[in-house]
PDB file of N, CA and C in Angstrom:
ATOM      1  N   UNK A   1     -27.990   5.835  -3.596  1.00  0.00           N
ATOM      2  CA  UNK A   1     -26.949   5.921  -4.856  1.00  0.00           C
ATOM      3  C   UNK A   1     -26.594   4.393  -5.485  1.00  0.00           C
ATOM      4  N   UNK A   2     -26.819   4.198  -6.306  1.00  0.00           N
ATOM      5  CA  UNK A   2     -26.879   2.813  -7.164  1.00  0.00           C
ATOM      6  C   UNK A   2     -25.175   2.487  -7.428  1.00  0.00           C
ATOM      7  N   UNK A   3     -24.977   1.569  -6.478  1.00  0.00           N
ATOM      8  CA  UNK A   3     -23.346   0.869  -6.816  1.00  0.00           C
ATOM      9  C   UNK A   3     -23.395  -0.134  -8.005  1.00  0.00           C
ATOM     10  N   UNK A   4     -22.110   0.017  -8.551  1.00  0.00           N
ATOM     11  CA  UNK A   4     -22.045  -1.292  -9.216  1.00  0.00           C
ATOM     12  C   UNK A   4     -21.466  -2.210  -8.665  1.00  0.00           C
ATOM     13  N   UNK A   5     -22.034  -3.382  -9.320  1.00  0.00           N
ATOM     14  CA  UNK A   5     -21.750  -4.772  -8.386  1.00  0.00           C
ATOM     15  C   UNK A   5     -20.435  -5.291  -8.732  1.00  0.00           C
ATOM     16  N   UNK A   6     -19.684  -5.172  -7.966  1.00  0.00           N
ATOM     17  CA  UNK A   6     -17.810  -5.565  -8.222  1.00  0.00           C
ATOM     18  C   UNK A   6     -17.653  -6.879  -7.161  1.00  0.00           C
ATOM     19  N   UNK A   7     -16.503  -7.666  -7.513  1.00  0.00           N
ATOM     20  CA  UNK A   7     -16.139  -8.879  -6.473  1.00  0.00           C
ATOM     21  C   UNK A   7     -15.309  -8.048  -5.364  1.00  0.00           C
ATOM     22  N   UNK A   8     -15.584  -8.671  -4.345  1.00  0.00           N
ATOM     23  CA  UNK A   8     -14.813  -8.250  -2.914  1.00  0.00           C
ATOM     24  C   UNK A   8     -13.669  -9.002  -3.007  1.00  0.00           C
ATOM     25  N   UNK A   9     -12.778  -7.983  -2.422  1.00  0.00           N
ATOM     26  CA  UNK A   9     -11.533  -8.532  -1.949  1.00  0.00           C
ATOM     27  C   UNK A   9     -11.100  -7.916  -0.762  1.00  0.00           C
ATOM     28  N   UNK A  10      -9.960  -8.252  -0.285  1.00  0.00           N
ATOM     29  CA  UNK A  10      -9.392  -7.759   0.940  1.00  0.00           C
ATOM     30  C   UNK A  10      -8.178  -7.294   0.812  1.00  0.00           C
ATOM     31  N   UNK A  11      -7.986  -6.048   1.318  1.00  0.00           N
ATOM     32  CA  UNK A  11      -6.724  -5.367   1.538  1.00  0.00           C
ATOM     33  C   UNK A  11      -6.362  -5.647   3.123  1.00  0.00           C
ATOM     34  N   UNK A  12      -5.321  -6.544   3.747  1.00  0.00           N
ATOM     35  CA  UNK A  12      -5.497  -6.981   5.143  1.00  0.00           C
ATOM     36  C   UNK A  12      -6.682  -7.778   5.401  1.00  0.00           C
ATOM     37  N   UNK A  13      -7.346  -6.869   6.513  1.00  0.00           N
ATOM     38  CA  UNK A  13      -8.313  -7.431   6.752  1.00  0.00           C
ATOM     39  C   UNK A  13      -9.785  -6.669   6.918  1.00  0.00           C
ATOM     40  N   UNK A  14      -9.442  -5.877   5.608  1.00  0.00           N
ATOM     41  CA  UNK A  14     -10.739  -4.633   5.450  1.00  0.00           C
ATOM     42  C   UNK A  14     -11.470  -5.249   4.063  1.00  0.00           C
ATOM     43  N   UNK A  15     -12.542  -5.304   4.124  1.00  0.00           N
ATOM     44  CA  UNK A  15     -13.004  -6.081   2.908  1.00  0.00           C
ATOM     45  C   UNK A  15     -13.019  -4.464   1.844  1.00  0.00           C
ATOM     46  N   UNK A  16     -13.273  -4.504   0.498  1.00  0.00           N
ATOM     47  CA  UNK A  16     -13.131  -3.539  -0.574  1.00  0.00           C
ATOM     48  C   UNK A  16     -13.950  -4.319  -1.568  1.00  0.00           C
ATOM     49  N   UNK A  17     -14.885  -3.454  -2.168  1.00  0.00           N
ATOM     50  CA  UNK A  17     -15.633  -3.945  -3.318  1.00  0.00           C
ATOM     51  C   UNK A  17     -17.064  -4.540  -2.690  1.00  0.00           C
ATOM     52  N   UNK A  18     -17.823  -5.476  -3.738  1.00  0.00           N
ATOM     53  CA  UNK A  18     -18.857  -6.294  -3.301  1.00  0.00           C
ATOM     54  C   UNK A  18     -19.874  -5.334  -2.338  1.00  0.00           C
ATOM     55  N   UNK A  19     -20.216  -6.101  -1.614  1.00  0.00           N
ATOM     56  CA  UNK A  19     -21.513  -5.121  -0.742  1.00  0.00           C
ATOM     57  C   UNK A  19     -20.554  -4.452   0.567  1.00  0.00           C
ATOM     58  N   UNK A  20     -19.428  -4.277   0.486  1.00  0.00           N
ATOM     59  CA  UNK A  20     -18.655  -3.902   1.749  1.00  0.00           C
ATOM     60  C   UNK A  20     -19.174  -2.294   1.801  1.00  0.00           C
ATOM     61  N   UNK A  21     -19.090  -1.681   3.002  1.00  0.00           N
ATOM     62  CA  UNK A  21     -19.310  -0.215   2.898  1.00  0.00           C
ATOM     63  C   UNK A  21     -17.786   0.359   2.338  1.00  0.00           C
ATOM     64  N   UNK A  22     -18.174   1.772   2.111  1.00  0.00           N
ATOM     65  CA  UNK A  22     -16.799   2.312   1.505  1.00  0.00           C
ATOM     66  C   UNK A  22     -15.972   2.589   2.524  1.00  0.00           C
ATOM     67  N   UNK A  23     -14.699   2.340   2.060  1.00  0.00           N
ATOM     68  CA  UNK A  23     -13.747   2.367   2.916  1.00  0.00           C
ATOM     69  C   UNK A  23     -12.675   3.507   3.060  1.00  0.00           C
ATOM     70  N   UNK A  24     -12.490   4.421   3.876  1.00  0.00           N
ATOM     71  CA  UNK A  24     -11.534   5.314   4.520  1.00  0.00           C
ATOM     72  C   UNK A  24     -10.270   5.164   3.723  1.00  0.00           C
ATOM     73  N   UNK A  25      -9.615   5.732   2.888  1.00  0.00           N
ATOM     74  CA  UNK A  25      -8.364   5.575   2.735  1.00  0.00           C
ATOM     75  C   UNK A  25      -7.343   6.831   2.667  1.00  0.00           C
ATOM     76  N   UNK A  26      -6.164   6.912   3.096  1.00  0.00           N
ATOM     77  CA  UNK A  26      -5.465   8.146   3.071  1.00  0.00           C
ATOM     78  C   UNK A  26      -3.878   7.635   2.982  1.00  0.00           C
ATOM     79  N   UNK A  27      -3.075   8.608   2.303  1.00  0.00           N
ATOM     80  CA  UNK A  27      -1.645   8.626   2.374  1.00  0.00           C
ATOM     81  C   UNK A  27      -0.803   9.304   3.106  1.00  0.00           C
ATOM     82  N   UNK A  28       0.262   8.950   3.715  1.00  0.00           N
ATOM     83  CA  UNK A  28       1.175   9.663   4.492  1.00  0.00           C
ATOM     84  C   UNK A  28       2.048  10.672   3.728  1.00  0.00           C
ATOM     85  N   UNK A  29       2.562  11.817   4.202  1.00  0.00           N
ATOM     86  CA  UNK A  29       3.396  12.575   3.897  1.00  0.00           C
ATOM     87  C   UNK A  29       4.470  12.770   4.153  1.00  0.00           C
ATOM     88  N   UNK A  30       4.854  11.702   4.924  1.00  0.00           N
ATOM     89  CA  UNK A  30       6.204  11.850   5.631  1.00  0.00           C
ATOM     90  C   UNK A  30       7.093  11.085   4.292  1.00  0.00           C
ATOM     91  N   UNK A  31       8.281  11.410   4.956  1.00  0.00           N
ATOM     92  CA  UNK A  31       9.471  10.570   4.528  1.00  0.00           C
ATOM     93  C   UNK A  31       9.538   9.150   4.741  1.00  0.00           C
ATOM     94  N   UNK A  32       9.019   8.031   4.314  1.00  0.00           N
ATOM     95  CA  UNK A  32       8.998   6.819   4.507  1.00  0.00           C
ATOM     96  C   UNK A  32      10.423   6.113   5.838  1.00  0.00           C
ATOM     97  N   UNK A  33      11.543   6.722   5.306  1.00  0.00           N
ATOM     98  CA  UNK A  33      12.484   6.203   6.093  1.00  0.00           C
ATOM     99  C   UNK A  33      12.626   6.691   7.391  1.00  0.00           C
ATOM    100  N   UNK A  34      11.802   7.747   7.693  1.00  0.00           N
ATOM    101  CA  UNK A  34      11.705   8.293   8.850  1.00  0.00           C
ATOM    102  C   UNK A  34      10.503   7.614   9.663  1.00  0.00           C
ATOM    103  N   UNK A  35      11.154   6.190  10.116  1.00  0.00           N
ATOM    104  CA  UNK A  35       9.852   5.614  10.833  1.00  0.00           C
ATOM    105  C   UNK A  35       8.967   5.956  11.933  1.00  0.00           C
ATOM    106  N   UNK A  36       9.385   6.785  12.706  1.00  0.00           N
ATOM    107  CA  UNK A  36       8.516   6.857  13.782  1.00  0.00           C
ATOM    108  C   UNK A  36       7.787   8.270  13.252  1.00  0.00           C
ATOM    109  N   UNK A  37       8.033   9.100  12.488  1.00  0.00           N
ATOM    110  CA  UNK A  37       7.293  10.338  11.797  1.00  0.00           C
ATOM    111  C   UNK A  37       5.897   9.167  11.094  1.00  0.00           C
ATOM    112  N   UNK A  38       6.650   8.513  10.508  1.00  0.00           N
ATOM    113  CA  UNK A  38       5.465   7.804   9.622  1.00  0.00           C
ATOM    114  C   UNK A  38       4.562   6.889  10.571  1.00  0.00           C
ATOM    115  N   UNK A  39       5.045   6.073  11.391  1.00  0.00           N
ATOM    116  CA  UNK A  39       4.271   5.400  12.320  1.00  0.00           C
ATOM    117  C   UNK A  39       3.356   6.699  13.412  1.00  0.00           C
ATOM    118  N   UNK A  40       3.898   7.813  13.380  1.00  0.00           N
ATOM    119  CA  UNK A  40       2.960   8.687  14.253  1.00  0.00           C
ATOM    120  C   UNK A  40       1.587   9.278  13.409  1.00  0.00           C
ATOM    121  N   UNK A  41       2.203   9.319  12.258  1.00  0.00           N
ATOM    122  CA  UNK A  41       1.073   9.971  11.042  1.00  0.00           C
ATOM    123  C   UNK A  41       0.123   8.904  10.801  1.00  0.00           C
ATOM    124  N   UNK A  42       0.564   7.863  10.999  1.00  0.00           N
ATOM    125  CA  UNK A  42      -0.491   6.511  10.439  1.00  0.00           C
ATOM    126  C   UNK A  42      -1.284   6.311  11.433  1.00  0.00           C
ATOM    127  N   UNK A  43      -0.680   6.203  12.673  1.00  0.00           N
ATOM    128  CA  UNK A  43      -1.741   6.074  13.981  1.00  0.00           C
ATOM    129  C   UNK A  43      -2.768   7.343  14.241  1.00  0.00           C
ATOM    130  N   UNK A  44      -2.338   8.430  14.021  1.00  0.00           N
ATOM    131  CA  UNK A  44      -3.305   9.619  13.908  1.00  0.00           C
ATOM    132  C   UNK A  44      -4.396   9.547  12.611  1.00  0.00           C
ATOM    133  N   UNK A  45      -3.920   8.931  11.249  1.00  0.00           N
ATOM    134  CA  UNK A  45      -4.872   9.169  10.355  1.00  0.00           C
ATOM    135  C   UNK A  45      -6.115   7.659  11.089  1.00  0.00           C
ATOM    136  N   UNK A  46      -5.377   6.734  11.626  1.00  0.00           N
ATOM    137  CA  UNK A  46      -6.302   5.977  12.126  1.00  0.00           C
ATOM    138  C   UNK A  46      -7.228   6.292  13.217  1.00  0.00           C
ATOM    139  N   UNK A  47      -7.015   7.083  13.805  1.00  0.00           N
ATOM    140  CA  UNK A  47      -7.606   7.902  15.032  1.00  0.00           C
ATOM    141  C   UNK A  47      -8.737   8.442  14.640  1.00  0.00           C
ATOM    142  N   UNK A  48      -8.893   9.205  13.189  1.00  0.00           N
ATOM    143  CA  UNK A  48      -9.633  10.178  12.582  1.00  0.00           C
ATOM    144  C   UNK A  48     -10.184   9.400  11.476  1.00  0.00           C
ATOM    145  N   UNK A  49     -10.522   7.834  11.576  1.00  0.00           N
ATOM    146  CA  UNK A  49     -11.132   6.836  10.518  1.00  0.00           C
ATOM    147  C   UNK A  49     -10.269   6.502   9.552  1.00  0.00           C
ATOM    148  N   UNK A  50      -9.134   6.798   9.293  1.00  0.00           N
ATOM    149  CA  UNK A  50      -8.897   5.870   8.160  1.00  0.00           C
ATOM    150  C   UNK A  50      -8.598   4.371   8.544  1.00  0.00           C
ATOM    151  N   UNK A  51      -8.965   3.762   7.165  1.00  0.00           N
ATOM    152  CA  UNK A  51      -9.227   2.100   7.629  1.00  0.00           C
ATOM    153  C   UNK A  51      -7.879   1.515   6.475  1.00  0.00           C
ATOM    154  N   UNK A  52      -7.279   2.381   5.612  1.00  0.00           N
ATOM    155  CA  UNK A  52      -6.286   1.807   4.860  1.00  0.00           C
ATOM    156  C   UNK A  52      -5.219   2.853   4.377  1.00  0.00           C
ATOM    157  N   UNK A  53      -4.238   2.880   4.696  1.00  0.00           N
ATOM    158  CA  UNK A  53      -2.920   4.048   4.204  1.00  0.00           C
ATOM    159  C   UNK A  53      -1.809   3.279   3.378  1.00  0.00           C
ATOM    160  N   UNK A  54      -2.087   4.574   2.753  1.00  0.00           N
ATOM    161  CA  UNK A  54      -0.668   4.185   1.680  1.00  0.00           C
ATOM    162  C   UNK A  54       0.152   5.025   2.142  1.00  0.00           C
ATOM    163  N   UNK A  55       1.459   4.448   2.049  1.00  0.00           N
ATOM    164  CA  UNK A  55       3.052   4.669   2.080  1.00  0.00           C
ATOM    165  C   UNK A  55       3.661   5.052   0.841  1.00  0.00           C
ATOM    166  N   UNK A  56       4.748   6.040   0.521  1.00  0.00           N
ATOM    167  CA  UNK A  56       5.720   6.141  -0.716  1.00  0.00           C
ATOM    168  C   UNK A  56       6.824   4.943  -0.613  1.00  0.00           C
ATOM    169  N   UNK A  57       7.072   4.397  -1.408  1.00  0.00           N
ATOM    170  CA  UNK A  57       8.310   3.426  -1.891  1.00  0.00           C
ATOM    171  C   UNK A  57       8.747   4.108  -2.824  1.00  0.00           C
ATOM    172  N   UNK A  58       9.989   5.294  -2.325  1.00  0.00           N
ATOM    173  CA  UNK A  58      10.718   5.961  -3.730  1.00  0.00           C
ATOM    174  C   UNK A  58      11.992   5.310  -3.775  1.00  0.00           C
ATOM    175  N   UNK A  59      12.418   4.735  -2.882  1.00  0.00           N
ATOM    176  CA  UNK A  59      14.106   4.318  -2.819  1.00  0.00           C
ATOM    177  C   UNK A  59      14.203   2.806  -1.988  1.00  0.00           C
ATOM    178  N   UNK A  60      15.130   2.396  -2.193  1.00  0.00           N
ATOM    179  CA  UNK A  60      15.307   1.019  -1.680  1.00  0.00           C
ATOM    180  C   UNK A  60      15.386   1.292   0.103  1.00  0.00           C
ATOM    181  N   UNK A  61      15.951   2.073   0.477  1.00  0.00           N
ATOM    182  CA  UNK A  61      15.760   2.596   2.129  1.00  0.00           C
ATOM    183  C   UNK A  61      14.799   2.397   2.997  1.00  0.00           C
ATOM    184  N   UNK A  62      13.445   2.646   1.955  1.00  0.00           N
ATOM    185  CA  UNK A  62      12.038   2.666   2.291  1.00  0.00           C
ATOM    186  C   UNK A  62      11.730   1.378   2.664  1.00  0.00           C
ATOM    187  N   UNK A  63      12.239   0.470   2.162  1.00  0.00           N
ATOM    188  CA  UNK A  63      11.829  -1.266   2.259  1.00  0.00           C
ATOM    189  C   UNK A  63      12.383  -1.571   3.525  1.00  0.00           C
ATOM    190  N   UNK A  64      13.536  -1.252   3.903  1.00  0.00           N
ATOM    191  CA  UNK A  64      13.758  -1.340   5.258  1.00  0.00           C
ATOM    192  C   UNK A  64      12.906  -0.854   6.405  1.00  0.00           C
ATOM    193  N   UNK A  65      12.390   0.462   5.963  1.00  0.00           N
ATOM    194  CA  UNK A  65      11.417   1.064   7.069  1.00  0.00           C
ATOM    195  C   UNK A  65      10.196   0.529   6.630  1.00  0.00           C
ATOM    196  N   UNK A  66       9.822   0.017   5.813  1.00  0.00           N
ATOM    197  CA  UNK A  66       8.340  -0.287   5.637  1.00  0.00           C
ATOM    198  C   UNK A  66       8.030  -1.817   6.606  1.00  0.00           C
ATOM    199  N   UNK A  67       9.285  -2.394   6.863  1.00  0.00           N
ATOM    200  CA  UNK A  67       9.340  -3.798   7.222  1.00  0.00           C
ATOM    201  C   UNK A  67       8.629  -3.461   8.609  1.00  0.00           C
ATOM    202  N   UNK A  68       9.814  -2.225   9.548  1.00  0.00           N
ATOM    203  CA  UNK A  68       9.454  -1.588  10.778  1.00  0.00           C
ATOM    204  C   UNK A  68       7.902  -1.246  11.004  1.00  0.00           C
ATOM    205  N   UNK A  69       7.589  -0.456  10.001  1.00  0.00           N
ATOM    206  CA  UNK A  69       6.511   0.443  10.014  1.00  0.00           C
ATOM    207  C   UNK A  69       4.925  -0.536  10.301  1.00  0.00           C
ATOM    208  N   UNK A  70       5.217  -1.715   9.485  1.00  0.00           N
ATOM    209  CA  UNK A  70       4.486  -2.813   9.336  1.00  0.00           C
ATOM    210  C   UNK A  70       4.177  -3.542  10.837  1.00  0.00           C
ATOM    211  N   UNK A  71       5.125  -3.770  11.657  1.00  0.00           N
ATOM    212  CA  UNK A  71       5.070  -4.106  12.843  1.00  0.00           C
ATOM    213  C   UNK A  71       4.689  -3.345  13.931  1.00  0.00           C
ATOM    214  N   UNK A  72       4.659  -1.872  13.922  1.00  0.00           N
ATOM    215  CA  UNK A  72       4.464  -1.023  14.850  1.00  0.00           C
ATOM    216  C   UNK A  72       3.007  -0.192  14.376  1.00  0.00           C
ATOM    217  N   UNK A  73       2.120  -0.684  13.529  1.00  0.00           N
ATOM    218  CA  UNK A  73       0.665  -0.351  13.204  1.00  0.00           C
ATOM    219  C   UNK A  73       0.232  -1.616  13.073  1.00  0.00           C
ATOM    220  N   UNK A  74      -1.463  -1.490  13.330  1.00  0.00           N
ATOM    221  CA  UNK A  74      -2.359  -2.323  12.996  1.00  0.00           C
ATOM    222  C   UNK A  74      -3.319  -1.936  11.880  1.00  0.00           C
ATOM    223  N   UNK A  75      -3.010  -1.261  10.626  1.00  0.00           N
ATOM    224  CA  UNK A  75      -3.700  -0.715   9.667  1.00  0.00           C
ATOM    225  C   UNK A  75      -3.256  -1.598   8.415  1.00  0.00           C
ATOM    226  N   UNK A  76      -4.155  -1.772   7.364  1.00  0.00           N
ATOM    227  CA  UNK A  76      -3.291  -2.001   6.272  1.00  0.00           C
ATOM    228  C   UNK A  76      -2.647  -1.112   5.585  1.00  0.00           C
ATOM    229  N   UNK A  77      -1.487  -1.537   5.386  1.00  0.00           N
ATOM    230  CA  UNK A  77      -0.595  -1.018   4.759  1.00  0.00           C
ATOM    231  C   UNK A  77      -0.281  -1.226   2.784  1.00  0.00           C
ATOM    232  N   UNK A  78      -0.488   0.098   2.088  1.00  0.00           N
ATOM    233  CA  UNK A  78      -0.528   0.001   0.405  1.00  0.00           C
ATOM    234  C   UNK A  78       0.928   0.747   0.388  1.00  0.00           C
ATOM    235  N   UNK A  79       1.643  -0.370  -0.605  1.00  0.00           N
ATOM    236  CA  UNK A  79       2.856   0.303  -0.679  1.00  0.00           C
ATOM    237  C   UNK A  79       2.570   1.077  -2.181  1.00  0.00           C
ATOM    238  N   UNK A  80       2.907   2.770  -2.605  1.00  0.00           N
ATOM    239  CA  UNK A  80       2.978   3.102  -3.203  1.00  0.00           C
ATOM    240  C   UNK A  80       4.108   3.261  -4.376  1.00  0.00           C
ATOM    241  N   UNK A  81       4.093   2.962  -5.223  1.00  0.00           N
ATOM    242  CA  UNK A  81       5.499   2.588  -6.197  1.00  0.00           C
ATOM    243  C   UNK A  81       5.314   3.252  -7.323  1.00  0.00           C
ATOM    244  N   UNK A  82       6.343   4.268  -7.807  1.00  0.00           N
ATOM    245  CA  UNK A  82       6.180   4.527  -9.269  1.00  0.00           C
ATOM    246  C   UNK A  82       7.649   4.098  -9.669  1.00  0.00           C
ATOM    247  N   UNK A  83       7.859   3.967 -11.135  1.00  0.00           N
ATOM    248  CA  UNK A  83       9.325   4.017 -11.919  1.00  0.00           C
ATOM    249  C   UNK A  83      10.286   2.868 -11.867  1.00  0.00           C
ATOM    250  N   UNK A  84      10.159   1.945 -10.317  1.00  0.00           N
ATOM    251  CA  UNK A  84      11.069   1.437 -10.331  1.00  0.00           C
ATOM    252  C   UNK A  84      10.645  -0.119  -9.635  1.00  0.00           C
ATOM    253  N   UNK A  85      10.252  -0.963 -10.691  1.00  0.00           N
ATOM    254  CA  UNK A  85       9.301  -2.403 -10.448  1.00  0.00           C
ATOM    255  C   UNK A  85      10.318  -3.150  -9.281  1.00  0.00           C
ATOM    256  N   UNK A  86      11.495  -3.083  -9.166  1.00  0.00           N
ATOM    257  CA  UNK A  86      12.084  -3.827  -8.156  1.00  0.00           C
ATOM    258  C   UNK A  86      11.843  -3.419  -6.820  1.00  0.00           C
ATOM    259  N   UNK A  87      11.308  -1.958  -6.479  1.00  0.00           N
ATOM    260  CA  UNK A  87      10.841  -1.734  -5.307  1.00  0.00           C
ATOM    261  C   UNK A  87       9.527  -2.127  -5.406  1.00  0.00           C
ATOM    262  N   UNK A  88       8.683  -2.590  -6.311  1.00  0.00           N
ATOM    263  CA  UNK A  88       7.154  -2.996  -5.993  1.00  0.00           C
ATOM    264  C   UNK A  88       7.556  -4.684  -5.440  1.00  0.00           C
ATOM    265  N   UNK A  89       8.425  -5.072  -6.032  1.00  0.00           N
ATOM    266  CA  UNK A  89       8.854  -6.295  -5.707  1.00  0.00           C
ATOM    267  C   UNK A  89       9.176  -6.720  -4.330  1.00  0.00           C
ATOM    268  N   UNK A  90       9.795  -5.631  -4.107  1.00  0.00           N
ATOM    269  CA  UNK A  90      10.580  -5.770  -2.743  1.00  0.00           C
ATOM    270  C   UNK A  90       9.446  -5.756  -1.642  1.00  0.00           C
ATOM    271  N   UNK A  91       8.223  -4.593  -1.988  1.00  0.00           N
ATOM    272  CA  UNK A  91       7.354  -4.171  -0.824  1.00  0.00           C
ATOM    273  C   UNK A  91       6.823  -5.346  -0.832  1.00  0.00           C
ATOM    274  N   UNK A  92       6.496  -6.455  -1.915  1.00  0.00           N
ATOM    275  CA  UNK A  92       5.532  -7.458  -1.720  1.00  0.00           C
ATOM    276  C   UNK A  92       5.841  -8.431  -0.681  1.00  0.00           C
ATOM    277  N   UNK A  93       7.281  -8.311  -1.178  1.00  0.00           N
ATOM    278  CA  UNK A  93       7.980  -9.399   0.138  1.00  0.00           C
ATOM    279  C   UNK A  93       8.112  -8.701   1.217  1.00  0.00           C
ATOM    280  N   UNK A  94       8.199  -7.899   1.035  1.00  0.00           N
ATOM    281  CA  UNK A  94       8.232  -7.317   2.604  1.00  0.00           C
ATOM    282  C   UNK A  94       7.144  -7.446   3.386  1.00  0.00           C
ATOM    283  N   UNK A  95       5.873  -7.855   2.667  1.00  0.00           N
ATOM    284  CA  UNK A  95       4.743  -7.905   3.411  1.00  0.00           C
ATOM    285  C   UNK A  95       3.526  -6.989   3.615  1.00  0.00           C
ATOM    286  N   UNK A  96       3.609  -5.802   2.638  1.00  0.00           N
ATOM    287  CA  UNK A  96       2.745  -4.959   2.492  1.00  0.00           C
ATOM    288  C   UNK A  96       1.315  -5.482   2.164  1.00  0.00           C
ATOM    289  N   UNK A  97       0.346  -4.940   2.752  1.00  0.00           N
ATOM    290  CA  UNK A  97      -1.045  -5.570   2.454  1.00  0.00           C
ATOM    291  C   UNK A  97      -1.857  -5.197   0.987  1.00  0.00           C
ATOM    292  N   UNK A  98      -0.943  -4.321   0.267  1.00  0.00           N
ATOM    293  CA  UNK A  98      -1.611  -3.864  -1.295  1.00  0.00           C
ATOM    294  C   UNK A  98      -0.356  -3.491  -2.354  1.00  0.00           C
ATOM    295  N   UNK A  99      -0.504  -3.220  -2.883  1.00  0.00           N
ATOM    296  CA  UNK A  99       0.589  -2.462  -3.980  1.00  0.00           C
ATOM    297  C   UNK A  99      -0.300  -1.342  -4.882  1.00  0.00           C
ATOM    298  N   UNK A 100       0.238  -0.112  -5.165  1.00  0.00           N
ATOM    299  CA  UNK A 100      -0.335   0.670  -6.234  1.00  0.00           C
ATOM    300  C   UNK A 100       0.778   0.995  -7.059  1.00  0.00           C
ATOM    301  N   UNK A 101       1.031   0.765  -8.229  1.00  0.00           N
ATOM    302  CA  UNK A 101       1.754   1.136  -9.302  1.00  0.00           C
ATOM    303  C   UNK A 101       1.077   1.678 -10.240  1.00  0.00           C
ATOM    304  N   UNK A 102       1.512   2.404 -11.015  1.00  0.00           N
ATOM    305  CA  UNK A 102       1.036   3.148 -12.597  1.00  0.00           C
ATOM    306  C   UNK A 102       1.920   2.396 -13.550  1.00  0.00           C
ATOM    307  N   UNK A 103       1.031   1.437 -14.152  1.00  0.00           N
ATOM    308  CA  UNK A 103       1.960   0.328 -15.354  1.00  0.00           C
ATOM    309  C   UNK A 103       2.504   1.134 -16.145  1.00  0.00           C
ATOM    310  N   UNK A 104       2.294   2.509 -16.432  1.00  0.00           N
ATOM    311  CA  UNK A 104       2.586   3.258 -17.785  1.00  0.00           C
ATOM    312  C   UNK A 104       4.106   4.014 -17.090  1.00  0.00           C
ATOM    313  N   UNK A 105       4.462   3.835 -15.918  1.00  0.00           N
ATOM    314  CA  UNK A 105       5.737   4.908 -15.638  1.00  0.00           C
ATOM    315  C   UNK A 105       6.542   3.478 -15.218  1.00  0.00           C
ATOM    316  N   UNK A 106       6.138   2.255 -14.977  1.00  0.00           N
ATOM    317  CA  UNK A 106       7.045   1.325 -14.454  1.00  0.00           C
ATOM    318  C   UNK A 106       7.727   1.016 -15.637  1.00  0.00           C
ATOM    319  N   UNK A 107       7.592   1.042 -17.035  1.00  0.00           N
ATOM    320  CA  UNK A 107       8.637   0.619 -17.838  1.00  0.00           C
ATOM    321  C   UNK A 107       8.114  -0.702 -18.752  1.00  0.00           C
ATOM    322  N   UNK A 108       9.040  -0.974 -19.194  1.00  0.00           N
ATOM    323  CA  UNK A 108       8.509  -2.755 -20.042  1.00  0.00           C
ATOM    324  C   UNK A 108       7.696  -3.638 -19.547  1.00  0.00           C
ATOM    325  N   UNK A 109       6.434  -3.720 -20.316  1.00  0.00           N
ATOM    326  CA  UNK A 109       5.638  -5.058 -19.879  1.00  0.00           C
ATOM    327  C   UNK A 109       5.389  -6.015 -19.390  1.00  0.00           C
ATOM    328  N   UNK A 110       6.962  -6.451 -19.267  1.00  0.00           N
ATOM    329  CA  UNK A 110       7.460  -7.561 -18.449  1.00  0.00           C
ATOM    330  C   UNK A 110       7.326  -7.519 -16.933  1.00  0.00           C
ATOM    331  N   UNK A 111       8.427  -6.056 -16.795  1.00  0.00           N
ATOM    332  CA  UNK A 111       8.127  -5.150 -15.682  1.00  0.00           C
ATOM    333  C   UNK A 111       6.902  -5.504 -14.603  1.00  0.00           C
ATOM    334  N   UNK A 112       5.989  -5.071 -15.521  1.00  0.00           N
ATOM    335  CA  UNK A 112       4.598  -5.033 -14.916  1.00  0.00           C
ATOM    336  C   UNK A 112       4.230  -6.665 -15.020  1.00  0.00           C
ATOM    337  N   UNK A 113       4.311  -7.365 -15.574  1.00  0.00           N
ATOM    338  CA  UNK A 113       4.089  -9.245 -15.424  1.00  0.00           C
ATOM    339  C   UNK A 113       4.814  -9.530 -14.150  1.00  0.00           C
ATOM    340  N   UNK A 114       5.810  -9.129 -14.285  1.00  0.00           N
ATOM    341  CA  UNK A 114       6.596  -9.690 -13.007  1.00  0.00           C
ATOM    342  C   UNK A 114       6.164  -9.493 -11.796  1.00  0.00           C
ATOM    343  N   UNK A 115       5.639  -8.093 -11.438  1.00  0.00           N
ATOM    344  CA  UNK A 115       5.081  -7.874 -10.260  1.00  0.00           C
ATOM    345  C   UNK A 115       3.595  -8.281 -10.278  1.00  0.00           C
ATOM    346  N   UNK A 116       2.895  -8.196 -11.632  1.00  0.00           N
ATOM    347  CA  UNK A 116       1.650  -8.962 -10.969  1.00  0.00           C
ATOM    348  C   UNK A 116       1.659 -10.581 -10.691  1.00  0.00           C
ATOM    349  N   UNK A 117       2.916 -11.372 -11.066  1.00  0.00           N
ATOM    350  CA  UNK A 117       2.916 -12.478 -10.610  1.00  0.00           C
ATOM    351  C   UNK A 117       3.662 -12.967  -9.521  1.00  0.00           C
ATOM    352  N   UNK A 118       4.463 -11.818  -9.140  1.00  0.00           N
ATOM    353  CA  UNK A 118       4.673 -12.173  -7.656  1.00  0.00           C
ATOM    354  C   UNK A 118       3.603 -11.786  -6.715  1.00  0.00           C
ATOM    355  N   UNK A 119       3.235 -10.817  -7.162  1.00  0.00           N
ATOM    356  CA  UNK A 119       1.415 -10.251  -6.172  1.00  0.00           C
ATOM    357  C   UNK A 119       0.595 -11.333  -6.016  1.00  0.00           C
ATOM    358  N   UNK A 120       0.472 -12.443  -7.110  1.00  0.00           N
ATOM    359  CA  UNK A 120      -0.483 -12.990  -6.982  1.00  0.00           C
ATOM    360  C   UNK A 120      -0.158 -14.281  -5.959  1.00  0.00           C
TER     361      UNK A 120
END
């Protein structure tokens, strides 16, 4: 299979793109506010070969949980945020390794630009 040449970047310590091997990524299905259940699921995913995990950040209470979850796992975490640009910014400031947003549901262009500027 021929791969398109891309620039390599890192999510935590995991290389993505360039000549890096394909990476297994998954997403938790727990309520992020339930720290213990989310940590258990992340560790289970990691045992099965997952190298990067996404967690939903749907409300501001999940930000505090995100900080605790990051302390308890050693796999890169991507915050999956929809609709609220402030949650994306808070996720970045909480130390997440990556961020997934849909610019179309974040709202005004200035909100997306603000997220990008803080992510830089």
